Amino acid sequence: MESRPLDALNRARDKKVIVELKGGKQYLGTLRAFDIHINIVLEDTEERVDGNVSRKLGTAFIRGDTIILISPA
């Protein structure tokens, strides 16, 4: 069966993901929700710089048009 991007996101729901944004920022958190624009909600979110945790954010909303990559953690 052919897999679509939203199917992959659905399988990643409630799992840890790494989100990379334009400008090089990286966030690690649990994917809780997303919409057709790939706007996403992460919980237990950590901002990472050069692979190290720079700050803990808790719940974060990330606009889909800033996302380059979403990957399983």
PDB file of N, CA and C in Angstrom:
ATOM      1  N   MET A   1       0.832  -1.194   0.000  1.00  0.00           N
ATOM      2  CA  MET A   1       0.000   0.000   0.000  1.00  0.00           C
ATOM      3  C   MET A   1       0.871   1.251   0.000  1.00  0.00           C
ATOM      4  N   GLU A   2       0.494   2.215  -0.782  1.00  0.00           N
ATOM      5  CA  GLU A   2       1.244   3.462  -0.869  1.00  0.00           C
ATOM      6  C   GLU A   2       1.057   4.282   0.413  1.00  0.00           C
ATOM      7  N   SER A   3       2.161   4.856   0.883  1.00  0.00           N
ATOM      8  CA  SER A   3       2.108   5.645   2.117  1.00  0.00           C
ATOM      9  C   SER A   3       2.196   7.131   1.780  1.00  0.00           C
ATOM     10  N   ARG A   4       1.337   7.921   2.408  1.00  0.00           N
ATOM     11  CA  ARG A   4       1.357   9.364   2.191  1.00  0.00           C
ATOM     12  C   ARG A   4       2.014  10.027   3.393  1.00  0.00           C
ATOM     13  N   PRO A   5       2.492  11.263   3.231  1.00  0.00           N
ATOM     14  CA  PRO A   5       3.155  11.953   4.353  1.00  0.00           C
ATOM     15  C   PRO A   5       2.298  12.010   5.623  1.00  0.00           C
ATOM     16  N   LEU A   6       0.994  12.265   5.480  1.00  0.00           N
ATOM     17  CA  LEU A   6       0.154  12.341   6.671  1.00  0.00           C
ATOM     18  C   LEU A   6      -0.002  10.974   7.336  1.00  0.00           C
ATOM     19  N   ASP A   7       0.088   9.893   6.539  1.00  0.00           N
ATOM     20  CA  ASP A   7       0.058   8.545   7.123  1.00  0.00           C
ATOM     21  C   ASP A   7       1.287   8.331   7.994  1.00  0.00           C
ATOM     22  N   ALA A   8       2.433   8.759   7.511  1.00  0.00           N
ATOM     23  CA  ALA A   8       3.674   8.622   8.283  1.00  0.00           C
ATOM     24  C   ALA A   8       3.582   9.420   9.579  1.00  0.00           C
ATOM     25  N   LEU A   9       3.025  10.620   9.515  1.00  0.00           N
ATOM     26  CA  LEU A   9       2.854  11.423  10.725  1.00  0.00           C
ATOM     27  C   LEU A   9       1.876  10.754  11.688  1.00  0.00           C
ATOM     28  N   ASN A  10       0.831  10.146  11.150  1.00  0.00           N
ATOM     29  CA  ASN A  10      -0.132   9.452  11.992  1.00  0.00           C
ATOM     30  C   ASN A  10       0.532   8.314  12.760  1.00  0.00           C
ATOM     31  N   ARG A  11       1.417   7.573  12.090  1.00  0.00           N
ATOM     32  CA  ARG A  11       2.141   6.488  12.759  1.00  0.00           C
ATOM     33  C   ARG A  11       3.093   7.019  13.825  1.00  0.00           C
ATOM     34  N   ALA A  12       3.566   8.252  13.664  1.00  0.00           N
ATOM     35  CA  ALA A  12       4.514   8.850  14.614  1.00  0.00           C
ATOM     36  C   ALA A  12       3.820   9.513  15.805  1.00  0.00           C
ATOM     37  N   ARG A  13       2.487   9.615  15.757  1.00  0.00           N
ATOM     38  CA  ARG A  13       1.752  10.268  16.848  1.00  0.00           C
ATOM     39  C   ARG A  13       2.018   9.537  18.165  1.00  0.00           C
ATOM     40  N   ASP A  14       2.216  10.327  19.229  1.00  0.00           N
ATOM     41  CA  ASP A  14       2.514   9.815  20.583  1.00  0.00           C
ATOM     42  C   ASP A  14       3.891   9.159  20.677  1.00  0.00           C
ATOM     43  N   LYS A  15       4.746   9.415  19.692  1.00  0.00           N
ATOM     44  CA  LYS A  15       6.123   8.920  19.738  1.00  0.00           C
ATOM     45  C   LYS A  15       7.078  10.112  19.719  1.00  0.00           C
ATOM     46  N   LYS A  16       8.319   9.877  20.147  1.00  0.00           N
ATOM     47  CA  LYS A  16       9.349  10.921  20.125  1.00  0.00           C
ATOM     48  C   LYS A  16       9.779  11.177  18.686  1.00  0.00           C
ATOM     49  N   VAL A  17       9.852  12.449  18.328  1.00  0.00           N
ATOM     50  CA  VAL A  17      10.321  12.835  16.998  1.00  0.00           C
ATOM     51  C   VAL A  17      11.344  13.970  17.124  1.00  0.00           C
ATOM     52  N   ILE A  18      12.171  14.078  16.093  1.00  0.00           N
ATOM     53  CA  ILE A  18      13.092  15.204  15.960  1.00  0.00           C
ATOM     54  C   ILE A  18      12.539  16.070  14.837  1.00  0.00           C
ATOM     55  N   VAL A  19      12.402  17.366  15.105  1.00  0.00           N
ATOM     56  CA  VAL A  19      11.891  18.306  14.111  1.00  0.00           C
ATOM     57  C   VAL A  19      12.996  19.312  13.827  1.00  0.00           C
ATOM     58  N   GLU A  20      13.367  19.426  12.562  1.00  0.00           N
ATOM     59  CA  GLU A  20      14.393  20.389  12.162  1.00  0.00           C
ATOM     60  C   GLU A  20      13.721  21.518  11.400  1.00  0.00           C
ATOM     61  N   LEU A  21      14.085  22.754  11.765  1.00  0.00           N
ATOM     62  CA  LEU A  21      13.457  23.924  11.158  1.00  0.00           C
ATOM     63  C   LEU A  21      14.421  24.657  10.245  1.00  0.00           C
ATOM     64  N   LYS A  22      13.852  25.500   9.372  1.00  0.00           N
ATOM     65  CA  LYS A  22      14.672  26.426   8.591  1.00  0.00           C
ATOM     66  C   LYS A  22      15.477  27.244   9.588  1.00  0.00           C
ATOM     67  N   GLY A  23      16.720  27.530   9.285  1.00  0.00           N
ATOM     68  CA  GLY A  23      17.554  28.283  10.209  1.00  0.00           C
ATOM     69  C   GLY A  23      18.341  27.377  11.142  1.00  0.00           C
ATOM     70  N   GLY A  24      18.109  26.040  11.047  1.00  0.00           N
ATOM     71  CA  GLY A  24      18.947  25.097  11.776  1.00  0.00           C
ATOM     72  C   GLY A  24      18.493  24.712  13.173  1.00  0.00           C
ATOM     73  N   LYS A  25      17.386  25.277  13.663  1.00  0.00           N
ATOM     74  CA  LYS A  25      16.931  24.884  15.001  1.00  0.00           C
ATOM     75  C   LYS A  25      16.390  23.458  14.951  1.00  0.00           C
ATOM     76  N   GLN A  26      16.564  22.771  16.089  1.00  0.00           N
ATOM     77  CA  GLN A  26      16.115  21.389  16.183  1.00  0.00           C
ATOM     78  C   GLN A  26      15.344  21.203  17.481  1.00  0.00           C
ATOM     79  N   TYR A  27      14.222  20.482  17.404  1.00  0.00           N
ATOM     80  CA  TYR A  27      13.401  20.222  18.580  1.00  0.00           C
ATOM     81  C   TYR A  27      13.153  18.730  18.697  1.00  0.00           C
ATOM     82  N   LEU A  28      13.208  18.238  19.925  1.00  0.00           N
ATOM     83  CA  LEU A  28      12.917  16.846  20.216  1.00  0.00           C
ATOM     84  C   LEU A  28      11.723  16.822  21.150  1.00  0.00           C
ATOM     85  N   GLY A  29      10.696  16.058  20.800  1.00  0.00           N
ATOM     86  CA  GLY A  29       9.515  15.994  21.661  1.00  0.00           C
ATOM     87  C   GLY A  29       8.572  14.906  21.209  1.00  0.00           C
ATOM     88  N   THR A  30       7.488  14.747  21.947  1.00  0.00           N
ATOM     89  CA  THR A  30       6.471  13.751  21.625  1.00  0.00           C
ATOM     90  C   THR A  30       5.409  14.395  20.746  1.00  0.00           C
ATOM     91  N   LEU A  31       5.216  13.827  19.555  1.00  0.00           N
ATOM     92  CA  LEU A  31       4.234  14.359  18.612  1.00  0.00           C
ATOM     93  C   LEU A  31       2.827  14.071  19.131  1.00  0.00           C
ATOM     94  N   ARG A  32       2.056  15.119  19.392  1.00  0.00           N
ATOM     95  CA  ARG A  32       0.695  14.943  19.904  1.00  0.00           C
ATOM     96  C   ARG A  32      -0.365  15.192  18.840  1.00  0.00           C
ATOM     97  N   ALA A  33      -0.161  16.190  17.978  1.00  0.00           N
ATOM     98  CA  ALA A  33      -1.186  16.534  16.997  1.00  0.00           C
ATOM     99  C   ALA A  33      -0.551  17.224  15.798  1.00  0.00           C
ATOM    100  N   PHE A  34      -1.284  17.178  14.664  1.00  0.00           N
ATOM    101  CA  PHE A  34      -0.851  17.887  13.458  1.00  0.00           C
ATOM    102  C   PHE A  34      -2.085  18.121  12.594  1.00  0.00           C
ATOM    103  N   ASP A  35      -1.941  19.023  11.624  1.00  0.00           N
ATOM    104  CA  ASP A  35      -3.043  19.264  10.690  1.00  0.00           C
ATOM    105  C   ASP A  35      -2.547  19.131   9.256  1.00  0.00           C
ATOM    106  N   ILE A  36      -3.402  19.434   8.287  1.00  0.00           N
ATOM    107  CA  ILE A  36      -3.026  19.240   6.883  1.00  0.00           C
ATOM    108  C   ILE A  36      -1.905  20.171   6.430  1.00  0.00           C
ATOM    109  N   HIS A  37      -1.640  21.233   7.193  1.00  0.00           N
ATOM    110  CA  HIS A  37      -0.545  22.155   6.866  1.00  0.00           C
ATOM    111  C   HIS A  37       0.742  21.730   7.555  1.00  0.00           C
ATOM    112  N   ILE A  38       0.730  20.602   8.230  1.00  0.00           N
ATOM    113  CA  ILE A  38       1.843  20.065   9.011  1.00  0.00           C
ATOM    114  C   ILE A  38       2.232  21.004  10.158  1.00  0.00           C
ATOM    115  N   ASN A  39       1.288  21.848  10.596  1.00  0.00           N
ATOM    116  CA  ASN A  39       1.480  22.529  11.881  1.00  0.00           C
ATOM    117  C   ASN A  39       1.444  21.410  12.913  1.00  0.00           C
ATOM    118  N   ILE A  40       2.373  21.411  13.866  1.00  0.00           N
ATOM    119  CA  ILE A  40       2.431  20.297  14.809  1.00  0.00           C
ATOM    120  C   ILE A  40       2.454  20.781  16.254  1.00  0.00           C
ATOM    121  N   VAL A  41       2.016  19.903  17.150  1.00  0.00           N
ATOM    122  CA  VAL A  41       2.103  20.144  18.585  1.00  0.00           C
ATOM    123  C   VAL A  41       3.006  19.072  19.165  1.00  0.00           C
ATOM    124  N   LEU A  42       4.050  19.517  19.876  1.00  0.00           N
ATOM    125  CA  LEU A  42       4.958  18.611  20.579  1.00  0.00           C
ATOM    126  C   LEU A  42       4.801  18.811  22.075  1.00  0.00           C
ATOM    127  N   GLU A  43       4.927  17.728  22.834  1.00  0.00           N
ATOM    128  CA  GLU A  43       4.958  17.813  24.291  1.00  0.00           C
ATOM    129  C   GLU A  43       6.329  17.387  24.776  1.00  0.00           C
ATOM    130  N   ASP A  44       6.672  17.822  26.003  1.00  0.00           N
ATOM    131  CA  ASP A  44       7.995  17.507  26.595  1.00  0.00           C
ATOM    132  C   ASP A  44       9.098  17.906  25.625  1.00  0.00           C
ATOM    133  N   THR A  45       8.962  19.093  25.057  1.00  0.00           N
ATOM    134  CA  THR A  45       9.848  19.553  23.986  1.00  0.00           C
ATOM    135  C   THR A  45      11.159  20.091  24.528  1.00  0.00           C
ATOM    136  N   GLU A  46      12.239  19.711  23.841  1.00  0.00           N
ATOM    137  CA  GLU A  46      13.572  20.247  24.143  1.00  0.00           C
ATOM    138  C   GLU A  46      14.112  20.897  22.879  1.00  0.00           C
ATOM    139  N   GLU A  47      14.663  22.103  23.036  1.00  0.00           N
ATOM    140  CA  GLU A  47      15.357  22.744  21.920  1.00  0.00           C
ATOM    141  C   GLU A  47      16.803  22.280  21.969  1.00  0.00           C
ATOM    142  N   ARG A  48      17.330  21.903  20.815  1.00  0.00           N
ATOM    143  CA  ARG A  48      18.704  21.406  20.771  1.00  0.00           C
ATOM    144  C   ARG A  48      19.553  22.281  19.857  1.00  0.00           C
ATOM    145  N   VAL A  49      20.765  22.536  20.322  1.00  0.00           N
ATOM    146  CA  VAL A  49      21.745  23.270  19.528  1.00  0.00           C
ATOM    147  C   VAL A  49      23.006  22.421  19.486  1.00  0.00           C
ATOM    148  N   ASP A  50      23.480  22.098  18.295  1.00  0.00           N
ATOM    149  CA  ASP A  50      24.644  21.225  18.114  1.00  0.00           C
ATOM    150  C   ASP A  50      24.483  19.909  18.871  1.00  0.00           C
ATOM    151  N   GLY A  51      23.253  19.371  18.909  1.00  0.00           N
ATOM    152  CA  GLY A  51      23.007  18.083  19.545  1.00  0.00           C
ATOM    153  C   GLY A  51      22.835  18.120  21.051  1.00  0.00           C
ATOM    154  N   ASN A  52      23.040  19.280  21.673  1.00  0.00           N
ATOM    155  CA  ASN A  52      22.902  19.403  23.127  1.00  0.00           C
ATOM    156  C   ASN A  52      21.633  20.185  23.474  1.00  0.00           C
ATOM    157  N   VAL A  53      20.991  19.795  24.574  1.00  0.00           N
ATOM    158  CA  VAL A  53      19.769  20.474  25.002  1.00  0.00           C
ATOM    159  C   VAL A  53      20.116  21.895  25.432  1.00  0.00           C
ATOM    160  N   SER A  54      19.478  22.890  24.794  1.00  0.00           N
ATOM    161  CA  SER A  54      19.742  24.275  25.180  1.00  0.00           C
ATOM    162  C   SER A  54      18.664  24.805  26.117  1.00  0.00           C
ATOM    163  N   ARG A  55      17.417  24.292  25.951  1.00  0.00           N
ATOM    164  CA  ARG A  55      16.350  24.671  26.880  1.00  0.00           C
ATOM    165  C   ARG A  55      15.180  23.716  26.740  1.00  0.00           C
ATOM    166  N   LYS A  56      14.405  23.605  27.818  1.00  0.00           N
ATOM    167  CA  LYS A  56      13.212  22.767  27.824  1.00  0.00           C
ATOM    168  C   LYS A  56      11.996  23.677  27.661  1.00  0.00           C
ATOM    169  N   LEU A  57      11.094  23.298  26.747  1.00  0.00           N
ATOM    170  CA  LEU A  57       9.971  24.166  26.402  1.00  0.00           C
ATOM    171  C   LEU A  57       8.614  23.633  26.837  1.00  0.00           C
ATOM    172  N   GLY A  58       8.502  22.374  27.218  1.00  0.00           N
ATOM    173  CA  GLY A  58       7.187  21.820  27.546  1.00  0.00           C
ATOM    174  C   GLY A  58       6.391  21.600  26.271  1.00  0.00           C
ATOM    175  N   THR A  59       5.178  22.150  26.197  1.00  0.00           N
ATOM    176  CA  THR A  59       4.331  22.006  25.004  1.00  0.00           C
ATOM    177  C   THR A  59       4.687  23.103  23.999  1.00  0.00           C
ATOM    178  N   ALA A  60       4.865  22.704  22.737  1.00  0.00           N
ATOM    179  CA  ALA A  60       5.252  23.669  21.701  1.00  0.00           C
ATOM    180  C   ALA A  60       4.392  23.466  20.460  1.00  0.00           C
ATOM    181  N   PHE A  61       3.994  24.576  19.849  1.00  0.00           N
ATOM    182  CA  PHE A  61       3.290  24.572  18.570  1.00  0.00           C
ATOM    183  C   PHE A  61       4.288  25.043  17.525  1.00  0.00           C
ATOM    184  N   ILE A  62       4.472  24.266  16.465  1.00  0.00           N
ATOM    185  CA  ILE A  62       5.433  24.631  15.419  1.00  0.00           C
ATOM    186  C   ILE A  62       4.695  24.743  14.097  1.00  0.00           C
ATOM    187  N   ARG A  63       4.859  25.892  13.439  1.00  0.00           N
ATOM    188  CA  ARG A  63       4.203  26.123  12.141  1.00  0.00           C
ATOM    189  C   ARG A  63       4.816  25.230  11.069  1.00  0.00           C
ATOM    190  N   GLY A  64       3.948  24.629  10.280  1.00  0.00           N
ATOM    191  CA  GLY A  64       4.403  23.712   9.242  1.00  0.00           C
ATOM    192  C   GLY A  64       5.313  24.343   8.210  1.00  0.00           C
ATOM    193  N   ASP A  65       5.123  25.634   7.907  1.00  0.00           N
ATOM    194  CA  ASP A  65       5.951  26.253   6.863  1.00  0.00           C
ATOM    195  C   ASP A  65       7.377  26.546   7.324  1.00  0.00           C
ATOM    196  N   THR A  66       7.691  26.275   8.605  1.00  0.00           N
ATOM    197  CA  THR A  66       9.074  26.443   9.085  1.00  0.00           C
ATOM    198  C   THR A  66       9.816  25.123   9.183  1.00  0.00           C
ATOM    199  N   ILE A  67       9.108  24.011   8.970  1.00  0.00           N
ATOM    200  CA  ILE A  67       9.686  22.670   9.177  1.00  0.00           C
ATOM    201  C   ILE A  67      10.356  22.173   7.907  1.00  0.00           C
ATOM    202  N   ILE A  68      11.598  21.676   8.086  1.00  0.00           N
ATOM    203  CA  ILE A  68      12.323  21.041   6.984  1.00  0.00           C
ATOM    204  C   ILE A  68      12.183  19.518   7.073  1.00  0.00           C
ATOM    205  N   LEU A  69      12.236  18.994   8.311  1.00  0.00           N
ATOM    206  CA  LEU A  69      12.344  17.557   8.504  1.00  0.00           C
ATOM    207  C   LEU A  69      11.658  17.140   9.794  1.00  0.00           C
ATOM    208  N   ILE A  70      10.940  16.018   9.748  1.00  0.00           N
ATOM    209  CA  ILE A  70      10.407  15.377  10.950  1.00  0.00           C
ATOM    210  C   ILE A  70      10.872  13.925  10.880  1.00  0.00           C
ATOM    211  N   SER A  71      11.549  13.460  11.937  1.00  0.00           N
ATOM    212  CA  SER A  71      12.133  12.124  11.929  1.00  0.00           C
ATOM    213  C   SER A  71      11.890  11.423  13.263  1.00  0.00           C
ATOM    214  N   PRO A  72      11.726  10.101  13.245  1.00  0.00           N
ATOM    215  CA  PRO A  72      11.646   9.396  14.526  1.00  0.00           C
ATOM    216  C   PRO A  72      12.923   9.627  15.323  1.00  0.00           C
ATOM    217  N   ALA A  73      12.781   9.770  16.647  1.00  0.00           N
ATOM    218  CA  ALA A  73      13.962  10.029  17.485  1.00  0.00           C
ATOM    219  C   ALA A  73      14.655   8.724  17.832  1.00  0.00           C
TER     220      ALA A  73
END
